[in-house]
């Protein structure tokens, strides 16, 4: 019975916290283990609750970290990209100085002056995180692609 309760707790915990964002820990990807389980509390309506501690796989990017991301949007302000559950923005000012926005092209893209490099929606980019912003439900990143990483 104890193993069944533990399995049920892991399932319920995954359903409640998986995919959520915590300012302290980042995105909770998956609960891996329950490390602490207090005694059951039986409520007046017959439901039971447990206070638990757990370990989890999380995604919490840090300033200075280099990540690979997929471009989701390109506009005159810069590019938006995603890696895992995280959204990143790279301003045109954080791109190499020879990259120019080509609004008339379909799809819109940033192209180097020598036309050797182009960045458009769906492309993979390697970016360096230069800042992060966390609120209760979302973690946003500002990145740079100015340097070689």
C-alpha atoms as a PDB file:
ATOM      1  CA  UNK A   1       0.000   0.000   0.000  1.00  0.00           C
ATOM      2  CA  UNK A   2       2.820   2.394   0.854  1.00  0.00           C
ATOM      3  CA  UNK A   3       4.316   1.973  -2.655  1.00  0.00           C
ATOM      4  CA  UNK A   4       0.913   2.676  -4.239  1.00  0.00           C
ATOM      5  CA  UNK A   5       0.504   5.837  -2.151  1.00  0.00           C
ATOM      6  CA  UNK A   6       4.009   6.963  -3.135  1.00  0.00           C
ATOM      7  CA  UNK A   7       3.304   6.334  -6.864  1.00  0.00           C
ATOM      8  CA  UNK A   8       0.024   8.262  -6.575  1.00  0.00           C
ATOM      9  CA  UNK A   9       1.821  11.142  -4.840  1.00  0.00           C
ATOM     10  CA  UNK A  10       4.418  11.316  -7.634  1.00  0.00           C
ATOM     11  CA  UNK A  11       1.642  11.353 -10.281  1.00  0.00           C
ATOM     12  CA  UNK A  12      -0.350  14.056  -8.458  1.00  0.00           C
ATOM     13  CA  UNK A  13       2.779  16.106  -7.797  1.00  0.00           C
ATOM     14  CA  UNK A  14       3.819  15.888 -11.447  1.00  0.00           C
ATOM     15  CA  UNK A  15       0.348  17.046 -12.469  1.00  0.00           C
ATOM     16  CA  UNK A  16       0.511  20.032 -10.122  1.00  0.00           C
ATOM     17  CA  UNK A  17       4.069  21.270 -10.633  1.00  0.00           C
ATOM     18  CA  UNK A  18       5.352  19.894 -13.932  1.00  0.00           C
ATOM     19  CA  UNK A  19       5.593  22.680 -16.518  1.00  0.00           C
ATOM     20  CA  UNK A  20       5.267  25.453 -13.937  1.00  0.00           C
ATOM     21  CA  UNK A  21       7.813  28.184 -13.312  1.00  0.00           C
ATOM     22  CA  UNK A  22       9.262  29.002  -9.923  1.00  0.00           C
ATOM     23  CA  UNK A  23      11.240  32.195  -9.473  1.00  0.00           C
ATOM     24  CA  UNK A  24      13.657  30.382  -7.198  1.00  0.00           C
ATOM     25  CA  UNK A  25      14.140  27.167  -9.183  1.00  0.00           C
ATOM     26  CA  UNK A  26      13.119  27.940 -12.782  1.00  0.00           C
ATOM     27  CA  UNK A  27      10.899  25.690 -14.897  1.00  0.00           C
ATOM     28  CA  UNK A  28      10.043  22.393 -13.273  1.00  0.00           C
ATOM     29  CA  UNK A  29      10.390  19.795 -16.014  1.00  0.00           C
ATOM     30  CA  UNK A  30       9.739  16.578 -14.081  1.00  0.00           C
ATOM     31  CA  UNK A  31       9.557  15.346 -10.481  1.00  0.00           C
ATOM     32  CA  UNK A  32      12.171  12.606 -10.041  1.00  0.00           C
ATOM     33  CA  UNK A  33      11.784  11.592  -6.397  1.00  0.00           C
ATOM     34  CA  UNK A  34       9.884  12.325  -3.225  1.00  0.00           C
ATOM     35  CA  UNK A  35      12.486  12.995  -0.544  1.00  0.00           C
ATOM     36  CA  UNK A  36      10.175  13.694   2.376  1.00  0.00           C
ATOM     37  CA  UNK A  37       6.595  12.677   3.109  1.00  0.00           C
ATOM     38  CA  UNK A  38       4.783  13.823   6.227  1.00  0.00           C
ATOM     39  CA  UNK A  39       1.898  11.874   7.717  1.00  0.00           C
ATOM     40  CA  UNK A  40      -1.450  12.029   5.978  1.00  0.00           C
ATOM     41  CA  UNK A  41      -3.922  14.707   7.024  1.00  0.00           C
ATOM     42  CA  UNK A  42      -7.535  13.570   6.668  1.00  0.00           C
ATOM     43  CA  UNK A  43      -9.920  16.460   5.992  1.00  0.00           C
ATOM     44  CA  UNK A  44     -13.604  16.726   6.987  1.00  0.00           C
ATOM     45  CA  UNK A  45     -14.731  15.966   3.430  1.00  0.00           C
ATOM     46  CA  UNK A  46     -12.758  12.685   3.413  1.00  0.00           C
ATOM     47  CA  UNK A  47      -9.893  13.862   1.225  1.00  0.00           C
ATOM     48  CA  UNK A  48      -6.328  13.236   2.298  1.00  0.00           C
ATOM     49  CA  UNK A  49      -3.328  15.531   1.853  1.00  0.00           C
ATOM     50  CA  UNK A  50       0.391  15.053   2.368  1.00  0.00           C
ATOM     51  CA  UNK A  51       3.162  17.591   2.758  1.00  0.00           C
ATOM     52  CA  UNK A  52       6.067  16.381   0.612  1.00  0.00           C
ATOM     53  CA  UNK A  53       9.571  17.399  -0.333  1.00  0.00           C
ATOM     54  CA  UNK A  54      10.865  16.402  -3.755  1.00  0.00           C
ATOM     55  CA  UNK A  55      13.701  16.532  -6.238  1.00  0.00           C
ATOM     56  CA  UNK A  56      13.078  17.517  -9.821  1.00  0.00           C
ATOM     57  CA  UNK A  57      14.689  18.163 -13.158  1.00  0.00           C
ATOM     58  CA  UNK A  58      14.566  21.929 -13.708  1.00  0.00           C
ATOM     59  CA  UNK A  59      15.561  24.423 -16.379  1.00  0.00           C
ATOM     60  CA  UNK A  60      17.045  27.591 -14.936  1.00  0.00           C
ATOM     61  CA  UNK A  61      19.351  29.516 -17.258  1.00  0.00           C
ATOM     62  CA  UNK A  62      22.052  31.765 -15.821  1.00  0.00           C
ATOM     63  CA  UNK A  63      23.751  34.920 -17.020  1.00  0.00           C
ATOM     64  CA  UNK A  64      26.828  33.971 -19.025  1.00  0.00           C
ATOM     65  CA  UNK A  65      25.461  30.560 -20.033  1.00  0.00           C
ATOM     66  CA  UNK A  66      25.643  29.639 -23.734  1.00  0.00           C
ATOM     67  CA  UNK A  67      22.617  27.818 -25.167  1.00  0.00           C
ATOM     68  CA  UNK A  68      21.354  26.598 -28.526  1.00  0.00           C
ATOM     69  CA  UNK A  69      17.925  27.945 -29.431  1.00  0.00           C
ATOM     70  CA  UNK A  70      15.447  27.870 -32.313  1.00  0.00           C
ATOM     71  CA  UNK A  71      14.356  31.194 -33.823  1.00  0.00           C
ATOM     72  CA  UNK A  72      10.592  31.681 -33.487  1.00  0.00           C
ATOM     73  CA  UNK A  73      10.216  35.240 -34.787  1.00  0.00           C
ATOM     74  CA  UNK A  74      12.259  37.808 -36.686  1.00  0.00           C
ATOM     75  CA  UNK A  75      11.433  41.523 -36.776  1.00  0.00           C
ATOM     76  CA  UNK A  76      13.159  44.904 -36.992  1.00  0.00           C
ATOM     77  CA  UNK A  77      13.816  44.909 -33.218  1.00  0.00           C
ATOM     78  CA  UNK A  78      15.707  41.596 -33.258  1.00  0.00           C
ATOM     79  CA  UNK A  79      14.974  37.896 -32.980  1.00  0.00           C
ATOM     80  CA  UNK A  80      12.950  35.776 -30.573  1.00  0.00           C
ATOM     81  CA  UNK A  81      14.046  32.217 -29.901  1.00  0.00           C
ATOM     82  CA  UNK A  82      13.192  29.277 -27.653  1.00  0.00           C
ATOM     83  CA  UNK A  83      15.245  26.658 -25.882  1.00  0.00           C
ATOM     84  CA  UNK A  84      13.238  24.166 -23.888  1.00  0.00           C
ATOM     85  CA  UNK A  85      10.462  26.085 -22.125  1.00  0.00           C
ATOM     86  CA  UNK A  86      12.441  29.354 -22.127  1.00  0.00           C
ATOM     87  CA  UNK A  87      11.805  32.337 -24.425  1.00  0.00           C
ATOM     88  CA  UNK A  88      14.814  34.432 -25.409  1.00  0.00           C
ATOM     89  CA  UNK A  89      15.135  37.814 -27.106  1.00  0.00           C
ATOM     90  CA  UNK A  90      18.217  38.987 -28.983  1.00  0.00           C
ATOM     91  CA  UNK A  91      18.123  42.689 -29.806  1.00  0.00           C
ATOM     92  CA  UNK A  92      19.535  43.809 -33.163  1.00  0.00           C
ATOM     93  CA  UNK A  93      22.099  45.670 -31.035  1.00  0.00           C
ATOM     94  CA  UNK A  94      23.300  42.309 -29.680  1.00  0.00           C
ATOM     95  CA  UNK A  95      23.975  40.925 -33.166  1.00  0.00           C
ATOM     96  CA  UNK A  96      27.133  41.370 -35.243  1.00  0.00           C
ATOM     97  CA  UNK A  97      27.262  44.907 -36.645  1.00  0.00           C
ATOM     98  CA  UNK A  98      27.137  43.689 -40.267  1.00  0.00           C
ATOM     99  CA  UNK A  99      23.736  41.971 -39.805  1.00  0.00           C
ATOM    100  CA  UNK A 100      20.902  43.901 -41.425  1.00  0.00           C
ATOM    101  CA  UNK A 101      17.160  43.299 -41.214  1.00  0.00           C
ATOM    102  CA  UNK A 102      15.685  42.406 -44.611  1.00  0.00           C
ATOM    103  CA  UNK A 103      12.023  43.329 -44.301  1.00  0.00           C
ATOM    104  CA  UNK A 104      11.253  42.908 -48.015  1.00  0.00           C
ATOM    105  CA  UNK A 105      12.402  39.262 -48.103  1.00  0.00           C
ATOM    106  CA  UNK A 106       9.987  36.424 -47.438  1.00  0.00           C
ATOM    107  CA  UNK A 107      10.567  35.133 -44.871  1.00  0.00           C
ATOM    108  CA  UNK A 108      11.950  38.231 -43.157  1.00  0.00           C
ATOM    109  CA  UNK A 109      15.496  37.699 -41.951  1.00  0.00           C
ATOM    110  CA  UNK A 110      18.732  39.235 -40.783  1.00  0.00           C
ATOM    111  CA  UNK A 111      21.456  38.907 -43.396  1.00  0.00           C
ATOM    112  CA  UNK A 112      25.171  39.703 -43.200  1.00  0.00           C
ATOM    113  CA  UNK A 113      26.487  42.287 -45.654  1.00  0.00           C
ATOM    114  CA  UNK A 114      28.425  39.611 -47.544  1.00  0.00           C
ATOM    115  CA  UNK A 115      25.251  37.427 -47.693  1.00  0.00           C
ATOM    116  CA  UNK A 116      27.088  34.477 -46.111  1.00  0.00           C
ATOM    117  CA  UNK A 117      24.971  34.417 -42.950  1.00  0.00           C
ATOM    118  CA  UNK A 118      21.181  34.660 -42.674  1.00  0.00           C
ATOM    119  CA  UNK A 119      18.921  34.219 -39.642  1.00  0.00           C
ATOM    120  CA  UNK A 120      15.251  33.441 -40.196  1.00  0.00           C
ATOM    121  CA  UNK A 121      12.396  31.735 -38.365  1.00  0.00           C
ATOM    122  CA  UNK A 122      13.186  28.080 -37.715  1.00  0.00           C
ATOM    123  CA  UNK A 123      16.972  28.514 -37.750  1.00  0.00           C
ATOM    124  CA  UNK A 124      19.120  27.389 -34.844  1.00  0.00           C
ATOM    125  CA  UNK A 125      21.289  29.978 -33.136  1.00  0.00           C
ATOM    126  CA  UNK A 126      23.818  29.767 -30.320  1.00  0.00           C
ATOM    127  CA  UNK A 127      23.392  32.638 -27.910  1.00  0.00           C
ATOM    128  CA  UNK A 128      24.989  33.840 -24.731  1.00  0.00           C
ATOM    129  CA  UNK A 129      22.605  34.821 -21.955  1.00  0.00           C
ATOM    130  CA  UNK A 130      23.260  38.403 -20.862  1.00  0.00           C
ATOM    131  CA  UNK A 131      20.229  38.814 -18.616  1.00  0.00           C
ATOM    132  CA  UNK A 132      17.257  36.995 -17.122  1.00  0.00           C
ATOM    133  CA  UNK A 133      13.877  38.093 -15.838  1.00  0.00           C
ATOM    134  CA  UNK A 134      11.637  35.897 -13.707  1.00  0.00           C
ATOM    135  CA  UNK A 135       8.079  36.411 -12.585  1.00  0.00           C
ATOM    136  CA  UNK A 136       5.697  33.966 -10.961  1.00  0.00           C
ATOM    137  CA  UNK A 137       4.810  32.193 -14.199  1.00  0.00           C
ATOM    138  CA  UNK A 138       7.495  32.885 -16.794  1.00  0.00           C
ATOM    139  CA  UNK A 139      11.234  33.067 -17.179  1.00  0.00           C
ATOM    140  CA  UNK A 140      12.545  35.327 -19.951  1.00  0.00           C
ATOM    141  CA  UNK A 141      16.082  35.665 -21.234  1.00  0.00           C
ATOM    142  CA  UNK A 142      17.958  38.380 -23.116  1.00  0.00           C
ATOM    143  CA  UNK A 143      20.813  37.097 -25.221  1.00  0.00           C
ATOM    144  CA  UNK A 144      23.642  38.075 -27.514  1.00  0.00           C
ATOM    145  CA  UNK A 145      25.034  36.528 -30.692  1.00  0.00           C
ATOM    146  CA  UNK A 146      27.811  39.112 -31.163  1.00  0.00           C
ATOM    147  CA  UNK A 147      30.670  36.802 -30.229  1.00  0.00           C
ATOM    148  CA  UNK A 148      31.793  33.319 -31.213  1.00  0.00           C
ATOM    149  CA  UNK A 149      30.636  30.779 -28.636  1.00  0.00           C
END
